[in-house]
Structure formats: structure tokens, C-alpha cells
Amino acid sequence: IRSQLETELECSAAEVGRLKAELAAAEKDHKAITDAVNALGR
């Protein structure tokens, strides 16, 4: 059971890392788009 849980924990940690990187990229894109909209609409 401990071995299975540790395997799941490693998979979960990898998924969390992937999602954090994806979120950071999405936030960067969102900021760039927001800045562009503000610059055009200023």
C-alpha cells in the first residue's frame, strides 16, 4: 500500500508541476494580451 501511494504521490507531484508551468504560461499570455488591449484602448 505504501509503495502504491508513493507511486501515486510521484505522479501527482509531476502533474502539479506540469499544471503550474501551464498556469504560468497562461498567466504570461493573459498579461501580454491585457497590456495590448490597454495600450490600444488608452
PDB file of all heavy atoms in Angstrom:
ATOM      1  N   ILE A   1       0.851  -1.201   0.000  1.00  0.00           N
ATOM      2  CA  ILE A   1       0.000   0.000   0.000  1.00  0.00           C
ATOM      3  C   ILE A   1       0.886   1.251   0.000  1.00  0.00           C
ATOM      4  O   ILE A   1       0.644   2.195  -0.751  1.00  0.00           O
ATOM      5  CB  ILE A   1      -0.970  -0.016   1.199  1.00  0.00           C
ATOM      6  CG1 ILE A   1      -1.987  -1.149   1.037  1.00  0.00           C
ATOM      7  CG2 ILE A   1      -1.667   1.329   1.355  1.00  0.00           C
ATOM      8  CD1 ILE A   1      -2.856  -1.390   2.252  1.00  0.00           C
ATOM      9  N   ARG A   2       1.922   1.238   0.872  1.00  0.00           N
ATOM     10  CA  ARG A   2       2.833   2.382   0.932  1.00  0.00           C
ATOM     11  C   ARG A   2       3.511   2.592  -0.419  1.00  0.00           C
ATOM     12  O   ARG A   2       3.619   3.725  -0.907  1.00  0.00           O
ATOM     13  CB  ARG A   2       3.894   2.162   2.008  1.00  0.00           C
ATOM     14  CG  ARG A   2       4.903   3.330   2.025  1.00  0.00           C
ATOM     15  CD  ARG A   2       5.964   3.221   3.088  1.00  0.00           C
ATOM     16  NE  ARG A   2       5.326   3.504   4.364  1.00  0.00           N
ATOM     17  CZ  ARG A   2       5.567   2.816   5.481  1.00  0.00           C
ATOM     18  NH1 ARG A   2       6.426   1.821   5.476  1.00  0.00           N
ATOM     19  NH2 ARG A   2       4.962   3.118   6.602  1.00  0.00           N
ATOM     20  N   SER A   3       3.944   1.552  -1.076  1.00  0.00           N
ATOM     21  CA  SER A   3       4.608   1.632  -2.378  1.00  0.00           C
ATOM     22  C   SER A   3       3.661   2.214  -3.436  1.00  0.00           C
ATOM     23  O   SER A   3       4.052   3.053  -4.239  1.00  0.00           O
ATOM     24  CB  SER A   3       5.088   0.243  -2.796  1.00  0.00           C
ATOM     25  OG  SER A   3       5.682   0.290  -4.058  1.00  0.00           O
ATOM     26  N   GLN A   4       2.395   1.754  -3.412  1.00  0.00           N
ATOM     27  CA  GLN A   4       1.405   2.263  -4.369  1.00  0.00           C
ATOM     28  C   GLN A   4       1.140   3.761  -4.121  1.00  0.00           C
ATOM     29  O   GLN A   4       1.041   4.554  -5.061  1.00  0.00           O
ATOM     30  CB  GLN A   4       0.100   1.487  -4.267  1.00  0.00           C
ATOM     31  CG  GLN A   4       0.163   0.095  -4.857  1.00  0.00           C
ATOM     32  CD  GLN A   4      -1.148  -0.672  -4.630  1.00  0.00           C
ATOM     33  OE1 GLN A   4      -1.987  -0.291  -3.820  1.00  0.00           O
ATOM     34  NE2 GLN A   4      -1.288  -1.781  -5.357  1.00  0.00           N
ATOM     35  N   LEU A   5       1.031   4.124  -2.843  1.00  0.00           N
ATOM     36  CA  LEU A   5       0.785   5.532  -2.509  1.00  0.00           C
ATOM     37  C   LEU A   5       1.966   6.417  -2.908  1.00  0.00           C
ATOM     38  O   LEU A   5       1.786   7.542  -3.404  1.00  0.00           O
ATOM     39  CB  LEU A   5       0.481   5.682  -1.017  1.00  0.00           C
ATOM     40  CG  LEU A   5      -0.885   5.180  -0.554  1.00  0.00           C
ATOM     41  CD1 LEU A   5      -0.993   5.235   0.968  1.00  0.00           C
ATOM     42  CD2 LEU A   5      -2.001   5.986  -1.200  1.00  0.00           C
ATOM     43  N   GLU A   6       3.187   5.944  -2.698  1.00  0.00           N
ATOM     44  CA  GLU A   6       4.373   6.708  -3.085  1.00  0.00           C
ATOM     45  C   GLU A   6       4.425   6.898  -4.605  1.00  0.00           C
ATOM     46  O   GLU A   6       4.773   7.973  -5.092  1.00  0.00           O
ATOM     47  CB  GLU A   6       5.649   6.028  -2.579  1.00  0.00           C
ATOM     48  CG  GLU A   6       5.830   6.193  -1.076  1.00  0.00           C
ATOM     49  CD  GLU A   6       7.001   5.396  -0.504  1.00  0.00           C
ATOM     50  OE1 GLU A   6       7.591   4.569  -1.243  1.00  0.00           O
ATOM     51  OE2 GLU A   6       7.318   5.595   0.671  1.00  0.00           O
ATOM     52  N   THR A   7       4.036   5.876  -5.353  1.00  0.00           N
ATOM     53  CA  THR A   7       3.982   5.968  -6.818  1.00  0.00           C
ATOM     54  C   THR A   7       2.935   6.999  -7.232  1.00  0.00           C
ATOM     55  O   THR A   7       3.182   7.844  -8.106  1.00  0.00           O
ATOM     56  CB  THR A   7       3.655   4.594  -7.443  1.00  0.00           C
ATOM     57  OG1 THR A   7       4.654   3.649  -7.032  1.00  0.00           O
ATOM     58  CG2 THR A   7       3.620   4.673  -8.944  1.00  0.00           C
ATOM     59  N   GLU A   8       1.778   6.958  -6.582  1.00  0.00           N
ATOM     60  CA  GLU A   8       0.723   7.928  -6.879  1.00  0.00           C
ATOM     61  C   GLU A   8       1.168   9.345  -6.496  1.00  0.00           C
ATOM     62  O   GLU A   8       0.860  10.314  -7.203  1.00  0.00           O
ATOM     63  CB  GLU A   8      -0.568   7.565  -6.148  1.00  0.00           C
ATOM     64  CG  GLU A   8      -1.305   6.398  -6.760  1.00  0.00           C
ATOM     65  CD  GLU A   8      -2.628   6.104  -6.070  1.00  0.00           C
ATOM     66  OE1 GLU A   8      -3.338   7.082  -5.707  1.00  0.00           O
ATOM     67  OE2 GLU A   8      -2.931   4.921  -5.889  1.00  0.00           O
ATOM     68  N   LEU A   9       1.890   9.464  -5.383  1.00  0.00           N
ATOM     69  CA  LEU A   9       2.386  10.763  -4.933  1.00  0.00           C
ATOM     70  C   LEU A   9       3.367  11.350  -5.963  1.00  0.00           C
ATOM     71  O   LEU A   9       3.302  12.535  -6.292  1.00  0.00           O
ATOM     72  CB  LEU A   9       3.065  10.631  -3.567  1.00  0.00           C
ATOM     73  CG  LEU A   9       3.558  11.927  -2.925  1.00  0.00           C
ATOM     74  CD1 LEU A   9       2.397  12.888  -2.684  1.00  0.00           C
ATOM     75  CD2 LEU A   9       4.273  11.620  -1.618  1.00  0.00           C
ATOM     76  N   GLU A  10       4.256  10.516  -6.491  1.00  0.00           N
ATOM     77  CA  GLU A  10       5.203  10.972  -7.510  1.00  0.00           C
ATOM     78  C   GLU A  10       4.471  11.427  -8.774  1.00  0.00           C
ATOM     79  O   GLU A  10       4.788  12.464  -9.343  1.00  0.00           O
ATOM     80  CB  GLU A  10       6.194   9.851  -7.858  1.00  0.00           C
ATOM     81  CG  GLU A  10       7.210   9.580  -6.770  1.00  0.00           C
ATOM     82  CD  GLU A  10       8.086   8.371  -7.085  1.00  0.00           C
ATOM     83  OE1 GLU A  10       8.108   7.908  -8.253  1.00  0.00           O
ATOM     84  OE2 GLU A  10       8.753   7.884  -6.168  1.00  0.00           O
ATOM     85  N   CYS A  11       3.473  10.645  -9.191  1.00  0.00           N
ATOM     86  CA  CYS A  11       2.685  11.015 -10.372  1.00  0.00           C
ATOM     87  C   CYS A  11       1.931  12.321 -10.124  1.00  0.00           C
ATOM     88  O   CYS A  11       1.861  13.187 -11.001  1.00  0.00           O
ATOM     89  CB  CYS A  11       1.700   9.901 -10.733  1.00  0.00           C
ATOM     90  SG  CYS A  11       2.487   8.421 -11.388  1.00  0.00           S
ATOM     91  N   SER A  12       1.383  12.437  -8.929  1.00  0.00           N
ATOM     92  CA  SER A  12       0.638  13.640  -8.570  1.00  0.00           C
ATOM     93  C   SER A  12       1.556  14.857  -8.552  1.00  0.00           C
ATOM     94  O   SER A  12       1.194  15.929  -9.044  1.00  0.00           O
ATOM     95  CB  SER A  12      -0.024  13.444  -7.201  1.00  0.00           C
ATOM     96  OG  SER A  12      -0.648  14.625  -6.785  1.00  0.00           O
ATOM     97  N   ALA A  13       2.752  14.714  -8.000  1.00  0.00           N
ATOM     98  CA  ALA A  13       3.713  15.817  -7.945  1.00  0.00           C
ATOM     99  C   ALA A  13       4.113  16.232  -9.362  1.00  0.00           C
ATOM    100  O   ALA A  13       4.218  17.437  -9.659  1.00  0.00           O
ATOM    101  CB  ALA A  13       4.940  15.415  -7.131  1.00  0.00           C
ATOM    102  N   ALA A  14       4.310  15.262 -10.239  1.00  0.00           N
ATOM    103  CA  ALA A  14       4.657  15.568 -11.628  1.00  0.00           C
ATOM    104  C   ALA A  14       3.510  16.317 -12.309  1.00  0.00           C
ATOM    105  O   ALA A  14       3.729  17.287 -13.046  1.00  0.00           O
ATOM    106  CB  ALA A  14       4.992  14.288 -12.385  1.00  0.00           C
ATOM    107  N   GLU A  15       2.280  15.898 -12.060  1.00  0.00           N
ATOM    108  CA  GLU A  15       1.101  16.559 -12.633  1.00  0.00           C
ATOM    109  C   GLU A  15       0.965  17.981 -12.097  1.00  0.00           C
ATOM    110  O   GLU A  15       0.669  18.910 -12.849  1.00  0.00           O
ATOM    111  CB  GLU A  15      -0.163  15.748 -12.321  1.00  0.00           C
ATOM    112  CG  GLU A  15      -1.442  16.321 -12.881  1.00  0.00           C
ATOM    113  CD  GLU A  15      -1.564  16.218 -14.398  1.00  0.00           C
ATOM    114  OE1 GLU A  15      -0.697  15.609 -15.044  1.00  0.00           O
ATOM    115  OE2 GLU A  15      -2.526  16.781 -14.921  1.00  0.00           O
ATOM    116  N   VAL A  16       1.211  18.165 -10.804  1.00  0.00           N
ATOM    117  CA  VAL A  16       1.152  19.505 -10.205  1.00  0.00           C
ATOM    118  C   VAL A  16       2.196  20.402 -10.863  1.00  0.00           C
ATOM    119  O   VAL A  16       1.914  21.556 -11.226  1.00  0.00           O
ATOM    120  CB  VAL A  16       1.346  19.439  -8.669  1.00  0.00           C
ATOM    121  CG1 VAL A  16       1.617  20.810  -8.086  1.00  0.00           C
ATOM    122  CG2 VAL A  16       0.132  18.809  -8.007  1.00  0.00           C
ATOM    123  N   GLY A  17       3.400  19.911 -11.049  1.00  0.00           N
ATOM    124  CA  GLY A  17       4.460  20.690 -11.694  1.00  0.00           C
ATOM    125  C   GLY A  17       4.091  21.073 -13.116  1.00  0.00           C
ATOM    126  O   GLY A  17       4.299  22.222 -13.537  1.00  0.00           O
ATOM    127  N   ARG A  18       3.542  20.126 -13.872  1.00  0.00           N
ATOM    128  CA  ARG A  18       3.131  20.399 -15.242  1.00  0.00           C
ATOM    129  C   ARG A  18       2.035  21.458 -15.278  1.00  0.00           C
ATOM    130  O   ARG A  18       2.072  22.388 -16.081  1.00  0.00           O
ATOM    131  CB  ARG A  18       2.633  19.106 -15.908  1.00  0.00           C
ATOM    132  CG  ARG A  18       2.281  19.265 -17.385  1.00  0.00           C
ATOM    133  CD  ARG A  18       1.614  18.029 -17.962  1.00  0.00           C
ATOM    134  NE  ARG A  18       0.294  17.757 -17.397  1.00  0.00           N
ATOM    135  CZ  ARG A  18      -0.813  18.446 -17.707  1.00  0.00           C
ATOM    136  NH1 ARG A  18      -0.766  19.451 -18.535  1.00  0.00           N
ATOM    137  NH2 ARG A  18      -1.967  18.122 -17.155  1.00  0.00           N
ATOM    138  N   LEU A  19       1.047  21.337 -14.374  1.00  0.00           N
ATOM    139  CA  LEU A  19      -0.052  22.295 -14.338  1.00  0.00           C
ATOM    140  C   LEU A  19       0.412  23.688 -13.901  1.00  0.00           C
ATOM    141  O   LEU A  19      -0.077  24.707 -14.417  1.00  0.00           O
ATOM    142  CB  LEU A  19      -1.176  21.784 -13.426  1.00  0.00           C
ATOM    143  CG  LEU A  19      -1.954  20.565 -13.960  1.00  0.00           C
ATOM    144  CD1 LEU A  19      -2.896  20.038 -12.889  1.00  0.00           C
ATOM    145  CD2 LEU A  19      -2.711  20.925 -15.222  1.00  0.00           C
ATOM    146  N   LYS A  20       1.365  23.759 -12.972  1.00  0.00           N
ATOM    147  CA  LYS A  20       1.906  25.057 -12.552  1.00  0.00           C
ATOM    148  C   LYS A  20       2.611  25.738 -13.719  1.00  0.00           C
ATOM    149  O   LYS A  20       2.460  26.952 -13.922  1.00  0.00           O
ATOM    150  CB  LYS A  20       2.867  24.889 -11.374  1.00  0.00           C
ATOM    151  CG  LYS A  20       2.185  24.692 -10.045  1.00  0.00           C
ATOM    152  CD  LYS A  20       3.202  24.597  -8.916  1.00  0.00           C
ATOM    153  CE  LYS A  20       2.518  24.428  -7.574  1.00  0.00           C
ATOM    154  NZ  LYS A  20       3.487  24.337  -6.470  1.00  0.00           N
ATOM    155  N   ALA A  21       3.386  24.970 -14.489  1.00  0.00           N
ATOM    156  CA  ALA A  21       4.070  25.538 -15.651  1.00  0.00           C
ATOM    157  C   ALA A  21       3.056  26.016 -16.692  1.00  0.00           C
ATOM    158  O   ALA A  21       3.209  27.093 -17.282  1.00  0.00           O
ATOM    159  CB  ALA A  21       5.021  24.511 -16.260  1.00  0.00           C
ATOM    160  N   GLU A  22       2.010  25.242 -16.883  1.00  0.00           N
ATOM    161  CA  GLU A  22       0.958  25.621 -17.837  1.00  0.00           C
ATOM    162  C   GLU A  22       0.237  26.883 -17.363  1.00  0.00           C
ATOM    163  O   GLU A  22      -0.060  27.778 -18.154  1.00  0.00           O
ATOM    164  CB  GLU A  22      -0.038  24.450 -17.980  1.00  0.00           C
ATOM    165  CG  GLU A  22      -0.979  24.591 -19.139  1.00  0.00           C
ATOM    166  CD  GLU A  22      -1.862  23.360 -19.311  1.00  0.00           C
ATOM    167  OE1 GLU A  22      -1.354  22.219 -19.163  1.00  0.00           O
ATOM    168  OE2 GLU A  22      -3.058  23.548 -19.590  1.00  0.00           O
ATOM    169  N   LEU A  23      -0.036  26.956 -16.057  1.00  0.00           N
ATOM    170  CA  LEU A  23      -0.691  28.130 -15.496  1.00  0.00           C
ATOM    171  C   LEU A  23       0.193  29.369 -15.655  1.00  0.00           C
ATOM    172  O   LEU A  23      -0.284  30.439 -16.042  1.00  0.00           O
ATOM    173  CB  LEU A  23      -1.020  27.916 -14.010  1.00  0.00           C
ATOM    174  CG  LEU A  23      -1.599  29.115 -13.263  1.00  0.00           C
ATOM    175  CD1 LEU A  23      -2.939  29.538 -13.873  1.00  0.00           C
ATOM    176  CD2 LEU A  23      -1.770  28.798 -11.786  1.00  0.00           C
ATOM    177  N   ALA A  24       1.482  29.235 -15.381  1.00  0.00           N
ATOM    178  CA  ALA A  24       2.399  30.368 -15.520  1.00  0.00           C
ATOM    179  C   ALA A  24       2.427  30.865 -16.962  1.00  0.00           C
ATOM    180  O   ALA A  24       2.402  32.077 -17.213  1.00  0.00           O
ATOM    181  CB  ALA A  24       3.805  29.975 -15.063  1.00  0.00           C
ATOM    182  N   ALA A  25       2.444  29.951 -17.919  1.00  0.00           N
ATOM    183  CA  ALA A  25       2.438  30.343 -19.333  1.00  0.00           C
ATOM    184  C   ALA A  25       1.125  31.041 -19.689  1.00  0.00           C
ATOM    185  O   ALA A  25       1.124  32.053 -20.398  1.00  0.00           O
ATOM    186  CB  ALA A  25       2.652  29.117 -20.217  1.00  0.00           C
ATOM    187  N   ALA A  26       0.004  30.518 -19.179  1.00  0.00           N
ATOM    188  CA  ALA A  26      -1.298  31.127 -19.456  1.00  0.00           C
ATOM    189  C   ALA A  26      -1.390  32.514 -18.830  1.00  0.00           C
ATOM    190  O   ALA A  26      -1.919  33.454 -19.445  1.00  0.00           O
ATOM    191  CB  ALA A  26      -2.425  30.228 -18.933  1.00  0.00           C
ATOM    192  N   GLU A  27      -0.858  32.692 -17.619  1.00  0.00           N
ATOM    193  CA  GLU A  27      -0.868  34.000 -16.964  1.00  0.00           C
ATOM    194  C   GLU A  27      -0.004  34.999 -17.733  1.00  0.00           C
ATOM    195  O   GLU A  27      -0.368  36.166 -17.877  1.00  0.00           O
ATOM    196  CB  GLU A  27      -0.395  33.882 -15.510  1.00  0.00           C
ATOM    197  CG  GLU A  27      -1.430  33.246 -14.605  1.00  0.00           C
ATOM    198  CD  GLU A  27      -0.942  33.035 -13.187  1.00  0.00           C
ATOM    199  OE1 GLU A  27       0.293  32.934 -12.966  1.00  0.00           O
ATOM    200  OE2 GLU A  27      -1.791  32.973 -12.283  1.00  0.00           O
ATOM    201  N   LYS A  28       1.130  34.540 -18.240  1.00  0.00           N
ATOM    202  CA  LYS A  28       2.006  35.414 -19.032  1.00  0.00           C
ATOM    203  C   LYS A  28       1.290  35.866 -20.305  1.00  0.00           C
ATOM    204  O   LYS A  28       1.323  37.046 -20.655  1.00  0.00           O
ATOM    205  CB  LYS A  28       3.299  34.667 -19.375  1.00  0.00           C
ATOM    206  CG  LYS A  28       4.301  35.491 -20.127  1.00  0.00           C
ATOM    207  CD  LYS A  28       5.563  34.688 -20.393  1.00  0.00           C
ATOM    208  CE  LYS A  28       6.536  35.498 -21.235  1.00  0.00           C
ATOM    209  NZ  LYS A  28       7.712  34.722 -21.608  1.00  0.00           N
ATOM    210  N   ASP A  29       0.633  34.934 -20.989  1.00  0.00           N
ATOM    211  CA  ASP A  29      -0.135  35.266 -22.194  1.00  0.00           C
ATOM    212  C   ASP A  29      -1.257  36.247 -21.859  1.00  0.00           C
ATOM    213  O   ASP A  29      -1.496  37.209 -22.589  1.00  0.00           O
ATOM    214  CB  ASP A  29      -0.721  34.009 -22.839  1.00  0.00           C
ATOM    215  CG  ASP A  29       0.338  33.123 -23.478  1.00  0.00           C
ATOM    216  OD1 ASP A  29       1.473  33.588 -23.671  1.00  0.00           O
ATOM    217  OD2 ASP A  29       0.011  31.955 -23.780  1.00  0.00           O
ATOM    218  N   HIS A  30      -1.947  35.978 -20.759  1.00  0.00           N
ATOM    219  CA  HIS A  30      -3.056  36.841 -20.337  1.00  0.00           C
ATOM    220  C   HIS A  30      -2.565  38.268 -20.076  1.00  0.00           C
ATOM    221  O   HIS A  30      -3.195  39.237 -20.507  1.00  0.00           O
ATOM    222  CB  HIS A  30      -3.716  36.263 -19.077  1.00  0.00           C
ATOM    223  CG  HIS A  30      -4.837  37.104 -18.548  1.00  0.00           C
ATOM    224  ND1 HIS A  30      -6.067  37.165 -19.148  1.00  0.00           N
ATOM    225  CD2 HIS A  30      -4.889  37.937 -17.486  1.00  0.00           C
ATOM    226  CE1 HIS A  30      -6.840  37.994 -18.471  1.00  0.00           C
ATOM    227  NE2 HIS A  30      -6.147  38.484 -17.450  1.00  0.00           N
ATOM    228  N   LYS A  31      -1.425  38.396 -19.405  1.00  0.00           N
ATOM    229  CA  LYS A  31      -0.873  39.724 -19.124  1.00  0.00           C
ATOM    230  C   LYS A  31      -0.495  40.437 -20.411  1.00  0.00           C
ATOM    231  O   LYS A  31      -0.771  41.629 -20.577  1.00  0.00           O
ATOM    232  CB  LYS A  31       0.343  39.617 -18.209  1.00  0.00           C
ATOM    233  CG  LYS A  31       0.895  40.999 -17.822  1.00  0.00           C
ATOM    234  CD  LYS A  31       2.149  40.893 -16.998  1.00  0.00           C
ATOM    235  CE  LYS A  31       2.720  42.221 -16.595  1.00  0.00           C
ATOM    236  NZ  LYS A  31       2.632  43.313 -17.502  1.00  0.00           N
ATOM    237  N   ALA A  32       0.119  39.723 -21.345  1.00  0.00           N
ATOM    238  CA  ALA A  32       0.510  40.339 -22.618  1.00  0.00           C
ATOM    239  C   ALA A  32      -0.710  40.828 -23.388  1.00  0.00           C
ATOM    240  O   ALA A  32      -0.711  41.939 -23.946  1.00  0.00           O
ATOM    241  CB  ALA A  32       1.308  39.349 -23.461  1.00  0.00           C
ATOM    242  N   ILE A  33      -1.763  40.047 -23.388  1.00  0.00           N
ATOM    243  CA  ILE A  33      -2.992  40.432 -24.094  1.00  0.00           C
ATOM    244  C   ILE A  33      -3.642  41.620 -23.393  1.00  0.00           C
ATOM    245  O   ILE A  33      -4.093  42.572 -24.036  1.00  0.00           O
ATOM    246  CB  ILE A  33      -3.958  39.231 -24.198  1.00  0.00           C
ATOM    247  CG1 ILE A  33      -3.352  38.163 -25.113  1.00  0.00           C
ATOM    248  CG2 ILE A  33      -5.323  39.665 -24.705  1.00  0.00           C
ATOM    249  CD1 ILE A  33      -4.068  36.825 -25.064  1.00  0.00           C
ATOM    250  N   THR A  34      -3.683  41.581 -22.067  1.00  0.00           N
ATOM    251  CA  THR A  34      -4.252  42.689 -21.298  1.00  0.00           C
ATOM    252  C   THR A  34      -3.484  43.982 -21.564  1.00  0.00           C
ATOM    253  O   THR A  34      -4.082  45.040 -21.790  1.00  0.00           O
ATOM    254  CB  THR A  34      -4.226  42.371 -19.790  1.00  0.00           C
ATOM    255  OG1 THR A  34      -4.994  41.187 -19.564  1.00  0.00           O
ATOM    256  CG2 THR A  34      -4.790  43.512 -18.961  1.00  0.00           C
ATOM    257  N   ASP A  35      -2.152  43.900 -21.574  1.00  0.00           N
ATOM    258  CA  ASP A  35      -1.328  45.082 -21.853  1.00  0.00           C
ATOM    259  C   ASP A  35      -1.605  45.621 -23.252  1.00  0.00           C
ATOM    260  O   ASP A  35      -1.681  46.834 -23.456  1.00  0.00           O
ATOM    261  CB  ASP A  35       0.158  44.751 -21.698  1.00  0.00           C
ATOM    262  CG  ASP A  35       0.563  44.507 -20.253  1.00  0.00           C
ATOM    263  OD1 ASP A  35      -0.238  44.825 -19.341  1.00  0.00           O
ATOM    264  OD2 ASP A  35       1.677  43.987 -20.037  1.00  0.00           O
ATOM    265  N   ALA A  36      -1.753  44.725 -24.217  1.00  0.00           N
ATOM    266  CA  ALA A  36      -2.031  45.154 -25.594  1.00  0.00           C
ATOM    267  C   ALA A  36      -3.390  45.838 -25.689  1.00  0.00           C
ATOM    268  O   ALA A  36      -3.530  46.882 -26.333  1.00  0.00           O
ATOM    269  CB  ALA A  36      -1.973  43.952 -26.535  1.00  0.00           C
ATOM    270  N   VAL A  37      -4.391  45.266 -25.030  1.00  0.00           N
ATOM    271  CA  VAL A  37      -5.731  45.869 -25.045  1.00  0.00           C
ATOM    272  C   VAL A  37      -5.693  47.244 -24.391  1.00  0.00           C
ATOM    273  O   VAL A  37      -6.254  48.210 -24.920  1.00  0.00           O
ATOM    274  CB  VAL A  37      -6.758  44.947 -24.335  1.00  0.00           C
ATOM    275  CG1 VAL A  37      -8.063  45.670 -24.080  1.00  0.00           C
ATOM    276  CG2 VAL A  37      -7.000  43.691 -25.164  1.00  0.00           C
ATOM    277  N   ASN A  38      -5.020  47.348 -23.263  1.00  0.00           N
ATOM    278  CA  ASN A  38      -4.922  48.638 -22.570  1.00  0.00           C
ATOM    279  C   ASN A  38      -4.183  49.672 -23.414  1.00  0.00           C
ATOM    280  O   ASN A  38      -4.561  50.839 -23.437  1.00  0.00           O
ATOM    281  CB  ASN A  38      -4.240  48.484 -21.215  1.00  0.00           C
ATOM    282  CG  ASN A  38      -5.121  47.778 -20.212  1.00  0.00           C
ATOM    283  OD1 ASN A  38      -6.334  47.738 -20.350  1.00  0.00           O
ATOM    284  ND2 ASN A  38      -4.503  47.196 -19.199  1.00  0.00           N
ATOM    285  N   ALA A  39      -3.128  49.242 -24.102  1.00  0.00           N
ATOM    286  CA  ALA A  39      -2.366  50.171 -24.933  1.00  0.00           C
ATOM    287  C   ALA A  39      -3.211  50.684 -26.093  1.00  0.00           C
ATOM    288  O   ALA A  39      -3.154  51.861 -26.442  1.00  0.00           O
ATOM    289  CB  ALA A  39      -1.104  49.496 -25.461  1.00  0.00           C
ATOM    290  N   LEU A  40      -3.999  49.827 -26.679  1.00  0.00           N
ATOM    291  CA  LEU A  40      -4.840  50.235 -27.810  1.00  0.00           C
ATOM    292  C   LEU A  40      -6.033  51.063 -27.366  1.00  0.00           C
ATOM    293  O   LEU A  40      -6.504  51.920 -28.105  1.00  0.00           O
ATOM    294  CB  LEU A  40      -5.318  49.011 -28.581  1.00  0.00           C
ATOM    295  CG  LEU A  40      -4.236  48.249 -29.328  1.00  0.00           C
ATOM    296  CD1 LEU A  40      -4.805  46.973 -29.930  1.00  0.00           C
ATOM    297  CD2 LEU A  40      -3.613  49.117 -30.406  1.00  0.00           C
ATOM    298  N   GLY A  41      -6.510  50.810 -26.177  1.00  0.00           N
ATOM    299  CA  GLY A  41      -7.707  51.492 -25.715  1.00  0.00           C
ATOM    300  C   GLY A  41      -7.441  52.671 -24.823  1.00  0.00           C
ATOM    301  O   GLY A  41      -8.357  53.319 -24.357  1.00  0.00           O
ATOM    302  N   ARG A  42      -6.165  52.990 -24.598  1.00  0.00           N
ATOM    303  CA  ARG A  42      -5.817  54.063 -23.672  1.00  0.00           C
ATOM    304  C   ARG A  42      -6.258  55.406 -24.241  1.00  0.00           C
ATOM    305  O   ARG A  42      -6.034  55.722 -25.395  1.00  0.00           O
ATOM    306  CB  ARG A  42      -4.310  54.068 -23.445  1.00  0.00           C
ATOM    307  CG  ARG A  42      -3.898  55.029 -22.353  1.00  0.00           C
ATOM    308  CD  ARG A  42      -2.439  54.918 -22.030  1.00  0.00           C
ATOM    309  NE  ARG A  42      -2.139  53.546 -21.646  1.00  0.00           N
ATOM    310  CZ  ARG A  42      -0.989  52.951 -21.901  1.00  0.00           C
ATOM    311  NH1 ARG A  42      -0.041  53.590 -22.517  1.00  0.00           N
ATOM    312  NH2 ARG A  42      -0.770  51.713 -21.530  1.00  0.00           N
TER     313      ARG A  42
END
